[in-house]
Amino acid sequence: RFRIAGCSDSDGENMYALDGEEKWYADFINKKGVEPLPSFIDHISHVEGAYENAESKQQTCRQNLKLRRKAMK
């Protein structure tokens, strides 16, 4: 299992992968979670609220980014 989460002032990423395959990511532009797996396999759905959780983590990430910038000055 692999997870990427990060942010910048203008962008963000939240993605889960398994065995080298992306299984879910937060599409912050369209405001939804996406399961990019092909339709011929059984989907491993994430719990309800996964996208909202990703949005919350992005807000926290940006606040931490702002604090770190301030501390580095």
PDB file of N, CA and C in Angstrom:
ATOM      1  N   ARG A   1       0.842  -1.165   0.000  1.00  0.00           N
ATOM      2  CA  ARG A   1       0.000   0.000   0.000  1.00  0.00           C
ATOM      3  C   ARG A   1       0.891   1.233   0.000  1.00  0.00           C
ATOM      4  N   PHE A   2       0.489   2.239  -0.779  1.00  0.00           N
ATOM      5  CA  PHE A   2       1.295   3.435  -0.960  1.00  0.00           C
ATOM      6  C   PHE A   2       0.365   4.641  -0.960  1.00  0.00           C
ATOM      7  N   ARG A   3       0.765   5.723  -0.317  1.00  0.00           N
ATOM      8  CA  ARG A   3      -0.044   6.938  -0.271  1.00  0.00           C
ATOM      9  C   ARG A   3       0.829   8.152  -0.528  1.00  0.00           C
ATOM     10  N   ILE A   4       0.307   9.061  -1.334  1.00  0.00           N
ATOM     11  CA  ILE A   4       0.967  10.338  -1.575  1.00  0.00           C
ATOM     12  C   ILE A   4       0.002  11.428  -1.146  1.00  0.00           C
ATOM     13  N   ALA A   5       0.496  12.355  -0.365  1.00  0.00           N
ATOM     14  CA  ALA A   5      -0.300  13.518   0.040  1.00  0.00           C
ATOM     15  C   ALA A   5       0.635  14.700   0.140  1.00  0.00           C
ATOM     16  N   GLY A   6       0.261  15.797  -0.472  1.00  0.00           N
ATOM     17  CA  GLY A   6       1.097  16.984  -0.427  1.00  0.00           C
ATOM     18  C   GLY A   6       0.353  18.185  -0.968  1.00  0.00           C
ATOM     19  N   CYS A   7       0.955  19.343  -0.829  1.00  0.00           N
ATOM     20  CA  CYS A   7       0.300  20.557  -1.292  1.00  0.00           C
ATOM     21  C   CYS A   7       1.320  21.627  -1.653  1.00  0.00           C
ATOM     22  N   SER A   8       0.806  22.626  -2.353  1.00  0.00           N
ATOM     23  CA  SER A   8       1.539  23.860  -2.609  1.00  0.00           C
ATOM     24  C   SER A   8       0.512  24.979  -2.450  1.00  0.00           C
ATOM     25  N   ASP A   9       0.889  26.205  -2.734  1.00  0.00           N
ATOM     26  CA  ASP A   9      -0.076  27.307  -2.627  1.00  0.00           C
ATOM     27  C   ASP A   9      -1.239  27.143  -3.601  1.00  0.00           C
ATOM     28  N   SER A  10      -0.973  26.532  -4.742  1.00  0.00           N
ATOM     29  CA  SER A  10      -1.994  26.481  -5.787  1.00  0.00           C
ATOM     30  C   SER A  10      -2.452  25.069  -6.173  1.00  0.00           C
ATOM     31  N   ASP A  11      -1.858  24.039  -5.605  1.00  0.00           N
ATOM     32  CA  ASP A  11      -2.188  22.689  -6.040  1.00  0.00           C
ATOM     33  C   ASP A  11      -2.095  21.727  -4.861  1.00  0.00           C
ATOM     34  N   GLY A  12      -2.629  20.529  -5.054  1.00  0.00           N
ATOM     35  CA  GLY A  12      -2.552  19.518  -4.016  1.00  0.00           C
ATOM     36  C   GLY A  12      -2.667  18.132  -4.608  1.00  0.00           C
ATOM     37  N   GLU A  13      -2.256  17.139  -3.834  1.00  0.00           N
ATOM     38  CA  GLU A  13      -2.294  15.749  -4.279  1.00  0.00           C
ATOM     39  C   GLU A  13      -2.662  14.872  -3.094  1.00  0.00           C
ATOM     40  N   ASN A  14      -3.557  13.927  -3.338  1.00  0.00           N
ATOM     41  CA  ASN A  14      -3.905  12.907  -2.362  1.00  0.00           C
ATOM     42  C   ASN A  14      -4.258  11.666  -3.156  1.00  0.00           C
ATOM     43  N   MET A  15      -3.430  10.624  -3.052  1.00  0.00           N
ATOM     44  CA  MET A  15      -3.584   9.453  -3.888  1.00  0.00           C
ATOM     45  C   MET A  15      -3.214   8.197  -3.116  1.00  0.00           C
ATOM     46  N   TYR A  16      -3.942   7.122  -3.379  1.00  0.00           N
ATOM     47  CA  TYR A  16      -3.649   5.804  -2.809  1.00  0.00           C
ATOM     48  C   TYR A  16      -3.351   4.834  -3.948  1.00  0.00           C
ATOM     49  N   ALA A  17      -2.359   3.969  -3.737  1.00  0.00           N
ATOM     50  CA  ALA A  17      -1.999   2.969  -4.745  1.00  0.00           C
ATOM     51  C   ALA A  17      -1.799   1.625  -4.043  1.00  0.00           C
ATOM     52  N   LEU A  18      -1.916   0.573  -4.810  1.00  0.00           N
ATOM     53  CA  LEU A  18      -1.701  -0.778  -4.313  1.00  0.00           C
ATOM     54  C   LEU A  18      -1.008  -1.570  -5.412  1.00  0.00           C
ATOM     55  N   ASP A  19       0.090  -2.202  -5.095  1.00  0.00           N
ATOM     56  CA  ASP A  19       0.865  -2.987  -6.062  1.00  0.00           C
ATOM     57  C   ASP A  19       1.202  -2.185  -7.310  1.00  0.00           C
ATOM     58  N   GLY A  20       1.551  -0.928  -7.130  1.00  0.00           N
ATOM     59  CA  GLY A  20       1.972  -0.088  -8.249  1.00  0.00           C
ATOM     60  C   GLY A  20       0.841   0.474  -9.081  1.00  0.00           C
ATOM     61  N   GLU A  21      -0.399   0.213  -8.690  1.00  0.00           N
ATOM     62  CA  GLU A  21      -1.558   0.707  -9.441  1.00  0.00           C
ATOM     63  C   GLU A  21      -2.297   1.752  -8.621  1.00  0.00           C
ATOM     64  N   GLU A  22      -2.587   2.868  -9.247  1.00  0.00           N
ATOM     65  CA  GLU A  22      -3.354   3.915  -8.583  1.00  0.00           C
ATOM     66  C   GLU A  22      -4.778   3.409  -8.377  1.00  0.00           C
ATOM     67  N   LYS A  23      -5.250   3.406  -7.110  1.00  0.00           N
ATOM     68  CA  LYS A  23      -6.590   2.882  -6.875  1.00  0.00           C
ATOM     69  C   LYS A  23      -7.594   3.958  -6.484  1.00  0.00           C
ATOM     70  N   TRP A  24      -7.129   5.119  -6.021  1.00  0.00           N
ATOM     71  CA  TRP A  24      -8.031   6.229  -5.690  1.00  0.00           C
ATOM     72  C   TRP A  24      -7.221   7.510  -5.625  1.00  0.00           C
ATOM     73  N   TYR A  25      -7.828   8.600  -6.100  1.00  0.00           N
ATOM     74  CA  TYR A  25      -7.207   9.903  -5.912  1.00  0.00           C
ATOM     75  C   TYR A  25      -8.278  10.970  -5.787  1.00  0.00           C
ATOM     76  N   ALA A  26      -7.927  12.044  -5.129  1.00  0.00           N
ATOM     77  CA  ALA A  26      -8.828  13.176  -4.965  1.00  0.00           C
ATOM     78  C   ALA A  26      -8.648  14.116  -6.145  1.00  0.00           C
ATOM     79  N   ASP A  27      -9.741  14.360  -6.855  1.00  0.00           N
ATOM     80  CA  ASP A  27      -9.741  15.320  -7.961  1.00  0.00           C
ATOM     81  C   ASP A  27     -10.236  16.639  -7.386  1.00  0.00           C
ATOM     82  N   PHE A  28      -9.295  17.497  -6.993  1.00  0.00           N
ATOM     83  CA  PHE A  28      -9.649  18.748  -6.324  1.00  0.00           C
ATOM     84  C   PHE A  28     -10.284  19.752  -7.281  1.00  0.00           C
ATOM     85  N   ILE A  29     -10.065  19.621  -8.567  1.00  0.00           N
ATOM     86  CA  ILE A  29     -10.684  20.527  -9.544  1.00  0.00           C
ATOM     87  C   ILE A  29     -12.181  20.231  -9.665  1.00  0.00           C
ATOM     88  N   ASN A  30     -12.535  18.940  -9.819  1.00  0.00           N
ATOM     89  CA  ASN A  30     -13.934  18.546  -9.961  1.00  0.00           C
ATOM     90  C   ASN A  30     -14.596  18.189  -8.639  1.00  0.00           C
ATOM     91  N   LYS A  31     -13.834  18.317  -7.546  1.00  0.00           N
ATOM     92  CA  LYS A  31     -14.331  18.100  -6.185  1.00  0.00           C
ATOM     93  C   LYS A  31     -14.978  16.732  -5.988  1.00  0.00           C
ATOM     94  N   LYS A  32     -14.194  15.685  -6.298  1.00  0.00           N
ATOM     95  CA  LYS A  32     -14.694  14.322  -6.097  1.00  0.00           C
ATOM     96  C   LYS A  32     -13.532  13.349  -5.995  1.00  0.00           C
ATOM     97  N   GLY A  33     -13.816  12.183  -5.443  1.00  0.00           N
ATOM     98  CA  GLY A  33     -12.844  11.104  -5.420  1.00  0.00           C
ATOM     99  C   GLY A  33     -12.985  10.280  -6.684  1.00  0.00           C
ATOM    100  N   VAL A  34     -11.868   9.796  -7.222  1.00  0.00           N
ATOM    101  CA  VAL A  34     -11.874   9.051  -8.480  1.00  0.00           C
ATOM    102  C   VAL A  34     -11.229   7.686  -8.260  1.00  0.00           C
ATOM    103  N   GLU A  35     -11.885   6.649  -8.742  1.00  0.00           N
ATOM    104  CA  GLU A  35     -11.329   5.293  -8.740  1.00  0.00           C
ATOM    105  C   GLU A  35     -11.004   4.942 -10.190  1.00  0.00           C
ATOM    106  N   PRO A  36      -9.745   5.103 -10.613  1.00  0.00           N
ATOM    107  CA  PRO A  36      -9.386   4.953 -12.021  1.00  0.00           C
ATOM    108  C   PRO A  36      -9.195   3.506 -12.497  1.00  0.00           C
ATOM    109  N   LEU A  37      -9.575   2.548 -11.685  1.00  0.00           N
ATOM    110  CA  LEU A  37      -9.390   1.154 -12.074  1.00  0.00           C
ATOM    111  C   LEU A  37     -10.334   0.784 -13.212  1.00  0.00           C
ATOM    112  N   PRO A  38      -9.946  -0.141 -14.084  1.00  0.00           N
ATOM    113  CA  PRO A  38     -10.811  -0.549 -15.195  1.00  0.00           C
ATOM    114  C   PRO A  38     -12.097  -1.204 -14.685  1.00  0.00           C
ATOM    115  N   SER A  39     -13.144  -1.138 -15.476  1.00  0.00           N
ATOM    116  CA  SER A  39     -14.454  -1.637 -15.063  1.00  0.00           C
ATOM    117  C   SER A  39     -14.518  -3.157 -14.938  1.00  0.00           C
ATOM    118  N   PHE A  40     -13.566  -3.884 -15.538  1.00  0.00           N
ATOM    119  CA  PHE A  40     -13.637  -5.347 -15.509  1.00  0.00           C
ATOM    120  C   PHE A  40     -13.076  -5.964 -14.227  1.00  0.00           C
ATOM    121  N   ILE A  41     -12.617  -5.146 -13.297  1.00  0.00           N
ATOM    122  CA  ILE A  41     -12.138  -5.690 -12.032  1.00  0.00           C
ATOM    123  C   ILE A  41     -13.043  -5.209 -10.896  1.00  0.00           C
ATOM    124  N   ASP A  42     -13.013  -5.923  -9.793  1.00  0.00           N
ATOM    125  CA  ASP A  42     -13.778  -5.509  -8.629  1.00  0.00           C
ATOM    126  C   ASP A  42     -13.121  -4.283  -8.002  1.00  0.00           C
ATOM    127  N   HIS A  43     -13.932  -3.284  -7.773  1.00  0.00           N
ATOM    128  CA  HIS A  43     -13.419  -2.053  -7.175  1.00  0.00           C
ATOM    129  C   HIS A  43     -13.342  -2.191  -5.662  1.00  0.00           C
ATOM    130  N   ILE A  44     -12.317  -1.606  -5.100  1.00  0.00           N
ATOM    131  CA  ILE A  44     -12.158  -1.522  -3.656  1.00  0.00           C
ATOM    132  C   ILE A  44     -12.553  -0.101  -3.287  1.00  0.00           C
ATOM    133  N   SER A  45     -13.804   0.090  -2.974  1.00  0.00           N
ATOM    134  CA  SER A  45     -14.300   1.432  -2.703  1.00  0.00           C
ATOM    135  C   SER A  45     -13.782   1.950  -1.369  1.00  0.00           C
ATOM    136  N   HIS A  46     -13.508   3.232  -1.341  1.00  0.00           N
ATOM    137  CA  HIS A  46     -13.094   3.885  -0.108  1.00  0.00           C
ATOM    138  C   HIS A  46     -14.334   4.226   0.711  1.00  0.00           C
ATOM    139  N   VAL A  47     -14.139   4.443   1.976  1.00  0.00           N
ATOM    140  CA  VAL A  47     -15.248   4.769   2.865  1.00  0.00           C
ATOM    141  C   VAL A  47     -15.872   6.093   2.459  1.00  0.00           C
ATOM    142  N   GLU A  48     -17.115   6.244   2.818  1.00  0.00           N
ATOM    143  CA  GLU A  48     -17.807   7.491   2.553  1.00  0.00           C
ATOM    144  C   GLU A  48     -17.082   8.624   3.276  1.00  0.00           C
ATOM    145  N   GLY A  49     -16.930   9.746   2.605  1.00  0.00           N
ATOM    146  CA  GLY A  49     -16.249  10.881   3.197  1.00  0.00           C
ATOM    147  C   GLY A  49     -14.764  10.941   2.886  1.00  0.00           C
ATOM    148  N   ALA A  50     -14.266  10.025   2.042  1.00  0.00           N
ATOM    149  CA  ALA A  50     -12.836  10.011   1.724  1.00  0.00           C
ATOM    150  C   ALA A  50     -12.407  11.306   1.043  1.00  0.00           C
ATOM    151  N   TYR A  51     -13.232  11.824   0.124  1.00  0.00           N
ATOM    152  CA  TYR A  51     -12.869  13.068  -0.549  1.00  0.00           C
ATOM    153  C   TYR A  51     -12.853  14.239   0.437  1.00  0.00           C
ATOM    154  N   GLU A  52     -13.869  14.318   1.293  1.00  0.00           N
ATOM    155  CA  GLU A  52     -13.935  15.390   2.278  1.00  0.00           C
ATOM    156  C   GLU A  52     -12.733  15.330   3.227  1.00  0.00           C
ATOM    157  N   ASN A  53     -12.314  14.135   3.570  1.00  0.00           N
ATOM    158  CA  ASN A  53     -11.123  13.954   4.399  1.00  0.00           C
ATOM    159  C   ASN A  53      -9.878  14.464   3.673  1.00  0.00           C
ATOM    160  N   ALA A  54      -9.787  14.182   2.372  1.00  0.00           N
ATOM    161  CA  ALA A  54      -8.646  14.657   1.575  1.00  0.00           C
ATOM    162  C   ALA A  54      -8.623  16.185   1.523  1.00  0.00           C
ATOM    163  N   GLU A  55      -9.805  16.803   1.372  1.00  0.00           N
ATOM    164  CA  GLU A  55      -9.876  18.269   1.361  1.00  0.00           C
ATOM    165  C   GLU A  55      -9.406  18.845   2.696  1.00  0.00           C
ATOM    166  N   SER A  56      -9.840  18.239   3.771  1.00  0.00           N
ATOM    167  CA  SER A  56      -9.442  18.686   5.107  1.00  0.00           C
ATOM    168  C   SER A  56      -7.931  18.588   5.282  1.00  0.00           C
ATOM    169  N   LYS A  57      -7.348  17.499   4.807  1.00  0.00           N
ATOM    170  CA  LYS A  57      -5.895  17.329   4.904  1.00  0.00           C
ATOM    171  C   LYS A  57      -5.153  18.373   4.066  1.00  0.00           C
ATOM    172  N   GLN A  58      -5.751  18.799   2.951  1.00  0.00           N
ATOM    173  CA  GLN A  58      -5.121  19.836   2.133  1.00  0.00           C
ATOM    174  C   GLN A  58      -5.098  21.166   2.878  1.00  0.00           C
ATOM    175  N   GLN A  59      -6.176  21.484   3.577  1.00  0.00           N
ATOM    176  CA  GLN A  59      -6.213  22.722   4.358  1.00  0.00           C
ATOM    177  C   GLN A  59      -5.143  22.700   5.451  1.00  0.00           C
ATOM    178  N   THR A  60      -5.026  21.566   6.123  1.00  0.00           N
ATOM    179  CA  THR A  60      -4.002  21.417   7.162  1.00  0.00           C
ATOM    180  C   THR A  60      -2.608  21.537   6.555  1.00  0.00           C
ATOM    181  N   CYS A  61      -2.401  20.922   5.401  1.00  0.00           N
ATOM    182  CA  CYS A  61      -1.110  20.977   4.714  1.00  0.00           C
ATOM    183  C   CYS A  61      -0.739  22.423   4.381  1.00  0.00           C
ATOM    184  N   ARG A  62      -1.700  23.185   3.868  1.00  0.00           N
ATOM    185  CA  ARG A  62      -1.417  24.579   3.503  1.00  0.00           C
ATOM    186  C   ARG A  62      -1.136  25.440   4.738  1.00  0.00           C
ATOM    187  N   GLN A  63      -1.835  25.172   5.826  1.00  0.00           N
ATOM    188  CA  GLN A  63      -1.554  25.905   7.074  1.00  0.00           C
ATOM    189  C   GLN A  63      -0.138  25.583   7.554  1.00  0.00           C
ATOM    190  N   ASN A  64       0.235  24.301   7.506  1.00  0.00           N
ATOM    191  CA  ASN A  64       1.588  23.905   7.915  1.00  0.00           C
ATOM    192  C   ASN A  64       2.644  24.511   6.991  1.00  0.00           C
ATOM    193  N   LEU A  65       2.343  24.564   5.703  1.00  0.00           N
ATOM    194  CA  LEU A  65       3.264  25.170   4.743  1.00  0.00           C
ATOM    195  C   LEU A  65       3.487  26.650   5.088  1.00  0.00           C
ATOM    196  N   LYS A  66       2.421  27.342   5.410  1.00  0.00           N
ATOM    197  CA  LYS A  66       2.521  28.752   5.767  1.00  0.00           C
ATOM    198  C   LYS A  66       3.355  28.932   7.049  1.00  0.00           C
ATOM    199  N   LEU A  67       3.124  28.088   8.037  1.00  0.00           N
ATOM    200  CA  LEU A  67       3.895  28.169   9.281  1.00  0.00           C
ATOM    201  C   LEU A  67       5.380  27.878   9.059  1.00  0.00           C
ATOM    202  N   ARG A  68       5.670  26.896   8.228  1.00  0.00           N
ATOM    203  CA  ARG A  68       7.072  26.549   7.954  1.00  0.00           C
ATOM    204  C   ARG A  68       7.791  27.666   7.215  1.00  0.00           C
ATOM    205  N   ARG A  69       7.091  28.295   6.276  1.00  0.00           N
ATOM    206  CA  ARG A  69       7.693  29.433   5.564  1.00  0.00           C
ATOM    207  C   ARG A  69       8.046  30.544   6.544  1.00  0.00           C
ATOM    208  N   LYS A  70       7.108  30.817   7.447  1.00  0.00           N
ATOM    209  CA  LYS A  70       7.319  31.878   8.425  1.00  0.00           C
ATOM    210  C   LYS A  70       8.519  31.531   9.321  1.00  0.00           C
ATOM    211  N   ALA A  71       8.607  30.282   9.736  1.00  0.00           N
ATOM    212  CA  ALA A  71       9.703  29.850  10.613  1.00  0.00           C
ATOM    213  C   ALA A  71      11.054  29.890   9.906  1.00  0.00           C
ATOM    214  N   MET A  72      11.057  29.660   8.602  1.00  0.00           N
ATOM    215  CA  MET A  72      12.317  29.639   7.844  1.00  0.00           C
ATOM    216  C   MET A  72      12.868  31.051   7.593  1.00  0.00           C
ATOM    217  N   LYS A  73      12.006  32.064   7.702  1.00  0.00           N
ATOM    218  CA  LYS A  73      12.463  33.443   7.434  1.00  0.00           C
ATOM    219  C   LYS A  73      13.242  33.999   8.538  1.00  0.00           C
TER     220      LYS A  73
END
